[in-house]
Amino acid sequence: MYAKKIMLLLLLPVMYSYSQTLTLREAVDTGMANYGLVKAKEKYAQASDETVKQVKRDYLPNLNLSAQQDYGTVNGQNGPAYGLGGLGVASSGLPLPQQNWNAAFGALYLVNVNWDFFTFGRTKERINVAKADAQRSRKDYEQEQFQQKVRIAGAYLNLLASQRLVISQQKNLNRTIVVQKNAAVRVKNGLLPGVDSTLASAEVSRAKISLNQLKEQVKMQNAELVRLMGVDPKDFVADTTLVARIPKAILTDEPAGADTNPILQFYKSRVDLSNQQQKAFSREYWPTFSLFGVFQTRASGFKSNYASDQNAFTQNYWDGVSPNRQNYLAGVGLTWNLTAIARSSKKVSAQKLITEGLQEEYKAVDNQLKAQLDAANARINFAMQNYGEAPRQVKAAQQAYVQRTTLYKNGLTNLVDVTQALYTLNRAETDRDVIYTNVWQALLLKAAATGDFNLFINEL
């Protein structure tokens, strides 16, 4: 009875040292809502959708409005000139015998429309590339969601296993303390040599060290779970009822479609995007047909007879900027940069090689997932076999421990045998805690390989 009271008092700090009980589903939901990388990739996917809309609008014609009002001279000169870099001045006037500084106001107002109405499919392929890129962003977001769920579930199960190990190790410490007390009493009464008390104290110290190491492990795994959940640091208690039963899905052998794995779908979307880019580059071989039109009106402070009378101008602002001449122009044009064929051919061949590389990455990931699924099925098989053996091992170890301690109390065995029984029982309880969690870990591994997280989460 005394030993049971000591055990209860020592277990209480462990049971209540964590501030919040957390279920696995709550951990997953919280992590998906808060984790920065998942939220970032959601924004990238939304941005890609907006880019598709923008590329579609690129097909619209350009409509430019322009207005300028100037003040300057109109001296002209016969001779060729090229506006290199767009730095030429568009002053127009007669080539007079000498320079003069007559200046007046002038203005130009125009509307310009140009539309590349036929590009041999280039516009369509640009839209297809934008759509493929948006699809890749969405698949990247989906695979990040999936992997984050698996990471959170894995961290949760690790924390659960460690916390169960802490409880088992606490029980082991309580047992070593009881043995130590019994040994101390018998040594004091001269029934046992003093070395027994020393050995029992050493076992207590070893049990305390093991317990502290497990508590440190719990803290580290709790910190990892906190990081994946994206919450402020706090200590959680995992739901131990989870490992008290076997998930139903682990007993079924339903065929899984690995092709639907979000990770594999993401790699496929990269191949699709590269294929679309290759098609878009191949369209750059062809010319562009354009429609264009211009309507302009001009104003000038120089009179129509300025050629014969250089005094026929006014410096009045309103007279100089009030339009009095109009022109329009409309036409259709073709532009074809023939050297673009040579450049684009290399872009196409380079993109083709990139596509082949991405296909190889897809195959590698596909093989990896298939191998992971095979390993998961094997792990499930072994986990279920161990699940059946674990209780029998614990029961046998408990019986051996009770027998050894009873014999020791009656002076029929030594402390070494008791210590060995303690070690065997502690190992059996540790194996049980790990094995029970491994059943769920095996199911999580299968869910990760098949890409179906519902296979795991629906068991909760």
Protein backbone atom coordinates (compact mmCIF):
# COMPACT_ATOMS: atom_id res chain seq x y z
CA MET A 1 0.00 0.00 0.00
CA TYR A 2 2.84 2.32 0.90
CA ALA A 3 4.52 1.65 -2.43
CA LYS A 4 1.31 2.46 -4.33
CA LYS A 5 1.04 5.83 -2.55
CA ILE A 6 4.63 6.66 -3.44
CA MET A 7 3.98 5.70 -7.08
CA LEU A 8 0.89 7.91 -7.27
CA LEU A 9 2.67 10.90 -5.76
CA LEU A 10 5.56 10.56 -8.19
CA LEU A 11 3.27 10.18 -11.20
CA LEU A 12 1.27 13.32 -10.45
CA PRO A 13 4.00 15.79 -11.53
CA VAL A 14 4.35 13.94 -14.81
CA MET A 15 0.63 13.80 -15.47
CA TYR A 16 0.03 17.48 -14.80
CA SER A 17 3.27 19.08 -15.94
CA TYR A 18 1.78 19.75 -19.38
CA SER A 19 -0.54 22.66 -19.80
CA GLN A 20 -2.92 21.57 -22.54
CA THR A 21 -4.35 18.29 -23.84
CA LEU A 22 -4.24 18.18 -27.63
CA THR A 23 -5.85 15.73 -30.03
CA LEU A 24 -4.16 14.80 -33.28
CA ARG A 25 -6.95 16.29 -35.38
CA GLU A 26 -6.68 19.59 -33.49
CA ALA A 27 -2.92 19.61 -34.09
CA VAL A 28 -3.38 19.08 -37.83
CA ASP A 29 -6.13 21.70 -38.16
CA THR A 30 -4.14 24.27 -36.19
CA GLY A 31 -0.98 23.64 -38.18
CA MET A 32 -2.77 23.95 -41.52
CA ALA A 33 -4.31 27.26 -40.46
CA ASN A 34 -1.11 28.79 -39.07
CA TYR A 35 1.95 27.36 -40.82
CA GLY A 36 3.64 30.09 -42.84
CA LEU A 37 4.92 28.00 -45.75
CA VAL A 38 1.45 26.60 -46.48
CA LYS A 39 -0.08 30.08 -46.37
CA ALA A 40 2.69 31.42 -48.61
CA LYS A 41 2.11 28.79 -51.29
CA GLU A 42 -1.62 29.50 -51.16
CA LYS A 43 -0.82 33.13 -52.02
CA TYR A 44 1.48 32.03 -54.85
CA ALA A 45 -1.32 29.90 -56.30
CA GLN A 46 -3.72 32.85 -56.13
CA ALA A 47 -1.13 35.08 -57.79
CA SER A 48 -0.76 32.56 -60.63
CA ASP A 49 -4.52 32.66 -61.23
CA GLU A 50 -4.31 36.44 -61.51
CA THR A 51 -1.44 36.09 -63.98
CA VAL A 52 -3.65 33.95 -66.25
CA LYS A 53 -6.18 36.79 -66.33
CA GLN A 54 -3.44 39.30 -67.09
CA VAL A 55 -2.04 37.22 -69.98
CA LYS A 56 -5.51 36.91 -71.50
CA ARG A 57 -5.85 40.68 -71.42
CA ASP A 58 -2.54 41.07 -73.25
CA TYR A 59 -4.44 40.15 -76.43
CA LEU A 60 -6.41 43.40 -76.22
CA PRO A 61 -5.26 46.16 -78.62
CA ASN A 62 -3.13 49.02 -77.36
CA LEU A 63 -4.95 52.36 -77.20
CA ASN A 64 -2.69 55.34 -76.55
CA LEU A 65 -3.68 58.95 -75.99
CA SER A 66 -1.05 61.63 -76.29
CA ALA A 67 -0.97 65.38 -75.96
CA GLN A 68 1.96 67.78 -75.94
CA GLN A 69 2.37 71.53 -75.95
CA ASP A 70 5.72 73.06 -76.83
CA TYR A 71 7.49 76.34 -77.29
CA GLY A 72 10.46 76.63 -79.61
CA THR A 73 11.97 77.48 -82.97
CA VAL A 74 11.34 75.76 -86.35
CA ASN A 75 14.64 76.11 -88.19
CA GLY A 76 15.13 73.39 -90.75
CA GLN A 77 18.15 72.02 -92.65
CA ASN A 78 18.59 69.72 -95.59
CA GLY A 79 20.47 66.56 -94.70
CA PRO A 80 20.06 63.04 -93.29
CA ALA A 81 19.59 62.35 -89.59
CA TYR A 82 18.74 59.38 -87.40
CA GLY A 83 17.11 59.73 -84.02
CA LEU A 84 19.55 57.37 -82.26
CA GLY A 85 18.16 56.36 -78.89
CA GLY A 86 15.06 58.44 -79.45
CA LEU A 87 16.92 61.69 -78.74
CA GLY A 88 16.09 63.54 -81.98
CA VAL A 89 13.98 66.73 -82.00
CA ALA A 90 10.91 66.74 -84.27
CA SER A 91 11.04 70.44 -85.19
CA SER A 92 9.80 71.06 -88.75
CA GLY A 93 10.34 74.14 -90.84
CA LEU A 94 11.96 75.61 -93.93
CA PRO A 95 15.72 75.36 -94.53
CA LEU A 96 16.27 79.13 -94.41
CA PRO A 97 19.55 80.74 -95.51
CA GLN A 98 20.50 81.65 -91.97
CA GLN A 99 19.64 80.85 -88.35
CA ASN A 100 16.89 82.81 -86.66
CA TRP A 101 15.38 82.68 -83.22
CA ASN A 102 11.72 83.15 -84.04
CA ALA A 103 9.78 81.03 -81.55
CA ALA A 104 6.09 80.26 -81.01
CA PHE A 105 3.84 77.79 -79.29
CA GLY A 106 2.78 74.54 -80.89
CA ALA A 107 0.86 71.41 -79.93
CA LEU A 108 0.19 67.83 -81.02
CA TYR A 109 -2.75 65.70 -79.97
CA LEU A 110 -3.17 62.13 -81.14
CA VAL A 111 -4.90 58.80 -80.62
CA ASN A 112 -3.00 55.65 -81.58
CA VAL A 113 -4.36 52.10 -81.84
CA ASN A 114 -2.30 49.01 -82.66
CA TRP A 115 -3.32 45.38 -82.37
CA ASP A 116 -1.34 42.25 -83.08
CA PHE A 117 -4.41 40.41 -84.29
CA PHE A 118 -2.73 37.28 -85.65
CA THR A 119 0.47 35.78 -84.24
CA PHE A 120 0.29 32.16 -85.43
CA GLY A 121 -0.80 30.93 -82.01
CA ARG A 122 1.76 32.78 -79.87
CA THR A 123 -0.89 34.53 -77.80
CA LYS A 124 -2.78 31.30 -77.25
CA GLU A 125 0.37 29.49 -76.17
CA ARG A 126 1.26 32.28 -73.74
CA ILE A 127 -2.15 31.81 -72.16
CA ASN A 128 -1.59 28.04 -72.02
CA VAL A 129 1.78 28.59 -70.35
CA ALA A 130 0.17 30.86 -67.77
CA LYS A 131 -2.52 28.25 -67.12
CA ALA A 132 0.08 25.49 -66.76
CA ASP A 133 2.06 27.66 -64.35
CA ALA A 134 -1.11 28.31 -62.33
CA GLN A 135 -1.77 24.56 -62.25
CA ARG A 136 1.80 23.96 -61.05
CA SER A 137 1.33 26.53 -58.28
CA ARG A 138 -1.92 24.89 -57.20
CA LYS A 139 -0.30 21.43 -57.16
CA ASP A 140 2.61 22.84 -55.20
CA TYR A 141 0.16 24.25 -52.67
CA GLU A 142 -1.72 20.94 -52.45
CA GLN A 143 1.44 18.87 -52.00
CA GLU A 144 2.68 21.29 -49.34
CA GLN A 145 -0.64 20.90 -47.50
CA PHE A 146 -0.36 17.13 -47.72
CA GLN A 147 3.25 16.97 -46.56
CA GLN A 148 2.54 19.38 -43.73
CA LYS A 149 -0.31 17.17 -42.50
CA VAL A 150 2.00 14.15 -42.56
CA ARG A 151 4.75 16.07 -40.75
CA ILE A 152 2.38 17.24 -38.02
CA ALA A 153 0.91 13.76 -37.56
CA GLY A 154 4.40 12.24 -37.39
CA ALA A 155 5.56 14.81 -34.82
CA TYR A 156 2.41 14.20 -32.78
CA LEU A 157 2.94 10.43 -32.72
CA ASN A 158 6.58 10.91 -31.72
CA LEU A 159 5.48 13.15 -28.85
CA LEU A 160 2.82 10.64 -27.83
CA ALA A 161 5.33 7.79 -27.76
CA SER A 162 7.82 9.82 -25.73
CA GLN A 163 5.23 10.86 -23.18
CA ARG A 164 4.17 7.23 -22.74
CA LEU A 165 7.81 6.28 -22.29
CA VAL A 166 8.12 8.94 -19.59
CA ILE A 167 5.23 7.38 -17.70
CA SER A 168 6.73 3.90 -18.02
CA GLN A 169 10.12 5.18 -16.92
CA GLN A 170 8.51 6.92 -13.96
CA LYS A 171 6.97 3.60 -12.94
CA ASN A 172 10.38 1.99 -13.25
CA LEU A 173 11.87 4.67 -11.01
CA ASN A 174 9.14 4.07 -8.44
CA ARG A 175 9.94 0.34 -8.44
CA THR A 176 13.66 0.96 -7.97
CA ILE A 177 12.88 3.28 -5.04
CA VAL A 178 10.79 0.56 -3.40
CA VAL A 179 13.60 -1.96 -3.88
CA GLN A 180 16.09 0.55 -2.48
CA LYS A 181 13.98 1.10 0.64
CA ASN A 182 13.57 -2.64 1.21
CA ALA A 183 17.29 -3.20 0.74
CA ALA A 184 18.14 -0.37 3.14
CA VAL A 185 15.88 -1.81 5.85
CA ARG A 186 17.33 -5.31 5.47
CA VAL A 187 20.92 -4.00 5.44
CA LYS A 188 20.20 -1.98 8.58
CA ASN A 189 18.87 -5.09 10.28
CA GLY A 190 21.95 -7.03 9.24
CA LEU A 191 20.07 -9.36 6.95
CA LEU A 192 21.94 -8.27 3.79
CA PRO A 193 25.44 -7.02 3.07
CA GLY A 194 25.85 -3.23 2.72
CA VAL A 195 26.69 -3.54 -0.96
CA ASP A 196 23.03 -4.33 -1.71
CA SER A 197 21.98 -0.89 -0.50
CA THR A 198 24.72 0.70 -2.61
CA LEU A 199 23.68 -1.24 -5.74
CA ALA A 200 20.03 -0.33 -5.16
CA SER A 201 20.97 3.36 -4.88
CA ALA A 202 22.90 3.09 -8.15
CA GLU A 203 19.81 1.66 -9.85
CA VAL A 204 17.72 4.57 -8.55
CA SER A 205 20.23 7.06 -9.96
CA ARG A 206 20.28 5.26 -13.30
CA ALA A 207 16.46 5.31 -13.43
CA LYS A 208 16.43 9.04 -12.66
CA ILE A 209 18.95 9.74 -15.42
CA SER A 210 16.90 7.72 -17.91
CA LEU A 211 13.76 9.59 -16.86
CA ASN A 212 15.44 12.98 -17.33
CA GLN A 213 16.70 11.97 -20.75
CA LEU A 214 13.18 11.03 -21.80
CA LYS A 215 11.79 14.28 -20.42
CA GLU A 216 14.37 16.16 -22.50
CA GLN A 217 13.28 14.16 -25.53
CA VAL A 218 9.65 15.04 -24.84
CA LYS A 219 10.54 18.72 -24.66
CA MET A 220 12.38 18.63 -27.98
CA GLN A 221 9.57 16.80 -29.73
CA ASN A 222 7.00 19.14 -28.21
CA ALA A 223 9.02 22.07 -29.59
CA GLU A 224 8.99 20.48 -33.05
CA LEU A 225 5.22 20.05 -32.90
CA VAL A 226 4.82 23.67 -31.78
CA ARG A 227 6.94 24.79 -34.75
CA LEU A 228 4.90 22.79 -37.23
CA MET A 229 1.64 24.07 -35.75
CA GLY A 230 2.80 27.68 -35.93
CA VAL A 231 1.71 28.53 -32.37
CA ASP A 232 3.39 30.12 -29.37
CA PRO A 233 5.55 27.77 -27.28
CA LYS A 234 3.55 25.66 -24.85
CA ASP A 235 3.56 22.11 -23.52
CA PHE A 236 0.97 19.69 -24.87
CA VAL A 237 -0.38 16.39 -23.62
CA ALA A 238 -1.00 13.94 -26.46
CA ASP A 239 -4.20 11.92 -26.45
CA THR A 240 -3.16 8.47 -25.19
CA THR A 241 -6.52 6.91 -26.09
CA LEU A 242 -5.30 6.96 -29.69
CA VAL A 243 -2.98 3.99 -29.20
CA ALA A 244 -5.44 1.99 -27.14
CA ARG A 245 -6.94 0.52 -30.30
CA ILE A 246 -5.98 -0.66 -33.75
CA PRO A 247 -7.05 1.53 -36.70
CA LYS A 248 -9.54 -0.28 -38.93
CA ALA A 249 -7.80 0.81 -42.13
CA ILE A 250 -4.69 -1.11 -41.15
CA LEU A 251 -6.61 -4.39 -41.35
CA THR A 252 -7.74 -3.80 -44.94
CA ASP A 253 -5.59 -4.26 -48.01
CA GLU A 254 -7.21 -1.92 -50.48
CA PRO A 255 -5.20 -1.11 -53.61
CA ALA A 256 -3.88 2.45 -53.54
CA GLY A 257 -3.47 4.69 -56.54
CA ALA A 258 -0.04 6.26 -56.12
CA ASP A 259 -0.63 8.36 -59.26
CA THR A 260 -3.01 10.53 -57.22
CA ASN A 261 -0.34 11.36 -54.67
CA PRO A 262 -0.17 15.19 -54.38
CA ILE A 263 3.62 15.04 -54.43
CA LEU A 264 3.60 13.08 -57.68
CA GLN A 265 0.98 15.39 -59.15
CA PHE A 266 3.20 18.37 -58.40
CA TYR A 267 6.11 16.83 -60.31
CA LYS A 268 3.77 16.02 -63.20
CA SER A 269 2.59 19.65 -63.30
CA ARG A 270 6.22 20.76 -63.71
CA VAL A 271 6.54 18.51 -66.76
CA ASP A 272 3.29 19.90 -68.20
CA LEU A 273 4.48 23.47 -67.69
CA SER A 274 7.78 22.74 -69.46
CA ASN A 275 5.90 21.18 -72.39
CA GLN A 276 3.75 24.28 -72.74
CA GLN A 277 6.81 26.54 -72.63
CA GLN A 278 8.39 24.46 -75.38
CA LYS A 279 5.29 24.93 -77.56
CA ALA A 280 5.27 28.66 -76.88
CA PHE A 281 8.93 29.01 -77.93
CA SER A 282 8.27 27.14 -81.16
CA ARG A 283 5.65 29.77 -82.10
CA GLU A 284 8.31 32.48 -82.12
CA TYR A 285 9.40 31.29 -85.57
CA TRP A 286 6.44 32.99 -87.23
CA PRO A 287 5.64 36.62 -88.15
CA THR A 288 3.11 38.94 -86.56
CA PHE A 289 0.19 40.62 -88.36
CA SER A 290 -0.83 43.95 -86.90
CA LEU A 291 -3.60 46.49 -87.38
CA PHE A 292 -2.85 50.10 -86.58
CA GLY A 293 -4.51 53.47 -86.79
CA VAL A 294 -3.63 57.02 -85.82
CA PHE A 295 -5.65 60.21 -85.64
CA GLN A 296 -3.78 63.41 -84.84
CA THR A 297 -4.43 67.10 -84.76
CA ARG A 298 -1.74 69.77 -84.66
CA ALA A 299 -1.49 73.41 -83.72
CA SER A 300 1.19 75.97 -84.41
CA GLY A 301 1.85 79.65 -83.84
CA PHE A 302 3.59 79.90 -87.22
CA LYS A 303 1.35 81.09 -90.06
CA SER A 304 0.96 79.35 -93.40
CA ASN A 305 2.94 82.10 -95.22
CA TYR A 306 5.94 81.85 -92.86
CA ALA A 307 7.99 80.51 -95.79
CA SER A 308 7.88 83.89 -97.53
CA ASP A 309 7.48 86.11 -94.48
CA GLN A 310 9.49 85.20 -91.39
CA ASN A 311 7.42 87.67 -89.37
CA ALA A 312 4.24 85.62 -89.92
CA PHE A 313 4.09 84.03 -86.49
CA THR A 314 2.56 84.79 -83.12
CA GLN A 315 3.75 84.13 -79.60
CA ASN A 316 0.22 84.07 -78.23
CA TYR A 317 -0.24 80.85 -76.21
CA TRP A 318 -3.85 80.09 -77.11
CA ASP A 319 -3.27 80.76 -80.81
CA GLY A 320 -0.28 78.40 -80.70
CA VAL A 321 -2.01 75.45 -78.99
CA SER A 322 -5.47 75.66 -80.63
CA PRO A 323 -5.60 72.75 -83.17
CA ASN A 324 -6.16 73.63 -86.80
CA ARG A 325 -4.79 70.68 -88.82
CA GLN A 326 -5.92 67.04 -88.65
CA ASN A 327 -4.55 63.82 -90.11
CA TYR A 328 -5.48 60.16 -89.85
CA LEU A 329 -3.79 56.96 -90.83
CA ALA A 330 -4.91 53.34 -90.86
CA GLY A 331 -3.17 50.22 -92.08
CA VAL A 332 -2.16 46.64 -91.67
CA GLY A 333 1.41 45.49 -91.22
CA LEU A 334 3.57 42.38 -91.02
CA THR A 335 6.73 42.07 -88.98
CA TRP A 336 8.98 39.03 -89.19
CA ASN A 337 12.37 38.94 -87.55
CA LEU A 338 14.02 36.18 -89.55
CA THR A 339 16.98 35.86 -87.20
CA ALA A 340 14.52 34.98 -84.41
CA ILE A 341 14.18 31.55 -86.06
CA ALA A 342 17.80 30.72 -85.25
CA ARG A 343 17.52 32.04 -81.70
CA SER A 344 14.18 30.38 -80.96
CA SER A 345 15.34 27.00 -82.23
CA LYS A 346 17.90 26.87 -79.43
CA LYS A 347 15.32 27.96 -76.89
CA VAL A 348 13.11 25.09 -78.02
CA SER A 349 15.92 22.53 -77.86
CA ALA A 350 16.99 23.77 -74.41
CA GLN A 351 13.42 23.58 -73.12
CA LYS A 352 13.09 20.09 -74.55
CA LEU A 353 16.08 18.97 -72.50
CA ILE A 354 14.59 20.61 -69.40
CA THR A 355 11.36 18.68 -70.03
CA GLU A 356 13.26 15.42 -70.26
CA GLY A 357 15.05 16.23 -67.01
CA LEU A 358 11.77 16.95 -65.26
CA GLN A 359 10.37 13.66 -66.56
CA GLU A 360 13.33 11.85 -65.01
CA GLU A 361 12.62 13.59 -61.68
CA TYR A 362 9.01 12.46 -61.97
CA LYS A 363 10.09 8.85 -62.53
CA ALA A 364 12.48 8.99 -59.57
CA VAL A 365 9.79 10.29 -57.23
CA ASP A 366 7.33 7.72 -58.56
CA ASN A 367 9.78 4.89 -57.84
CA GLN A 368 10.49 6.32 -54.41
CA LEU A 369 6.80 6.43 -53.51
CA LYS A 370 6.28 2.87 -54.74
CA ALA A 371 9.20 1.68 -52.61
CA GLN A 372 7.80 3.63 -49.66
CA LEU A 373 4.41 1.98 -50.10
CA ASP A 374 6.00 -1.47 -50.18
CA ALA A 375 7.96 -0.64 -47.02
CA ALA A 376 4.79 0.69 -45.37
CA ASN A 377 2.90 -2.54 -46.05
CA ALA A 378 5.79 -4.56 -44.62
CA ARG A 379 5.97 -2.28 -41.58
CA ILE A 380 2.24 -2.70 -41.01
CA ASN A 381 2.64 -6.48 -41.09
CA PHE A 382 5.49 -6.46 -38.56
CA ALA A 383 3.78 -3.85 -36.39
CA MET A 384 0.67 -6.00 -36.12
CA GLN A 385 2.73 -9.06 -35.19
CA ASN A 386 4.55 -7.06 -32.51
CA TYR A 387 1.25 -5.60 -31.31
CA GLY A 388 0.11 -9.10 -30.42
CA GLU A 389 3.38 -10.02 -28.69
CA ALA A 390 3.82 -6.85 -26.62
CA PRO A 391 1.14 -7.61 -23.96
CA ARG A 392 2.45 -11.14 -23.50
CA GLN A 393 5.98 -9.82 -23.01
CA VAL A 394 4.81 -7.27 -20.39
CA LYS A 395 2.72 -9.85 -18.54
CA ALA A 396 5.59 -12.33 -18.36
CA ALA A 397 8.03 -9.61 -17.25
CA GLN A 398 5.61 -8.46 -14.51
CA GLN A 399 5.27 -12.01 -13.20
CA ALA A 400 9.05 -12.43 -13.17
CA TYR A 401 9.46 -9.14 -11.31
CA VAL A 402 6.89 -10.09 -8.65
CA GLN A 403 8.57 -13.48 -8.19
CA ARG A 404 12.06 -12.00 -7.85
CA THR A 405 11.01 -9.31 -5.39
CA THR A 406 9.11 -11.85 -3.29
CA LEU A 407 12.12 -14.16 -3.19
CA TYR A 408 14.38 -11.21 -2.38
CA LYS A 409 12.21 -10.14 0.56
CA ASN A 410 12.46 -13.66 1.92
CA GLY A 411 16.19 -13.82 1.43
CA LEU A 412 16.01 -16.49 -1.26
CA THR A 413 17.72 -14.51 -4.05
CA ASN A 414 20.13 -11.64 -4.47
CA LEU A 415 19.74 -8.06 -5.66
CA VAL A 416 21.32 -8.82 -9.01
CA ASP A 417 18.37 -11.07 -9.92
CA VAL A 418 15.93 -8.37 -8.82
CA THR A 419 17.77 -5.76 -10.88
CA GLN A 420 17.65 -8.03 -13.91
CA ALA A 421 13.90 -8.49 -13.45
CA LEU A 422 13.50 -4.70 -13.15
CA TYR A 423 15.44 -4.20 -16.36
CA THR A 424 13.38 -6.86 -18.19
CA LEU A 425 10.09 -5.30 -17.05
CA ASN A 426 11.21 -1.79 -17.98
CA ARG A 427 12.31 -2.99 -21.41
CA ALA A 428 9.00 -4.81 -21.93
CA GLU A 429 6.98 -1.70 -21.02
CA THR A 430 9.16 0.44 -23.27
CA ASP A 431 8.74 -1.99 -26.16
CA ARG A 432 4.97 -1.97 -25.61
CA ASP A 433 4.77 1.84 -25.73
CA VAL A 434 6.85 2.02 -28.89
CA ILE A 435 5.03 -0.87 -30.59
CA TYR A 436 1.57 0.55 -29.93
CA THR A 437 2.63 3.85 -31.50
CA ASN A 438 4.36 2.07 -34.39
CA VAL A 439 1.01 0.69 -35.55
CA TRP A 440 -0.20 4.23 -36.18
CA GLN A 441 3.19 5.27 -37.57
CA ALA A 442 2.94 2.43 -40.09
CA LEU A 443 -0.51 3.58 -41.18
CA LEU A 444 0.78 7.17 -41.50
CA LEU A 445 3.65 5.91 -43.69
CA LYS A 446 1.16 4.16 -45.95
CA ALA A 447 -1.01 7.29 -46.15
CA ALA A 448 2.09 9.31 -47.09
CA ALA A 449 3.05 6.81 -49.82
CA THR A 450 -0.43 6.64 -51.33
CA GLY A 451 -1.13 10.36 -51.02
CA ASP A 452 -4.39 9.71 -49.17
CA PHE A 453 -4.18 11.41 -45.78
CA ASN A 454 -7.84 10.53 -45.15
CA LEU A 455 -6.69 6.93 -44.83
CA PHE A 456 -5.08 8.04 -41.59
CA ILE A 457 -7.10 10.99 -40.30
CA ASN A 458 -10.49 9.29 -40.73
CA GLU A 459 -9.46 6.80 -38.05
CA LEU A 460 -9.55 9.49 -35.36
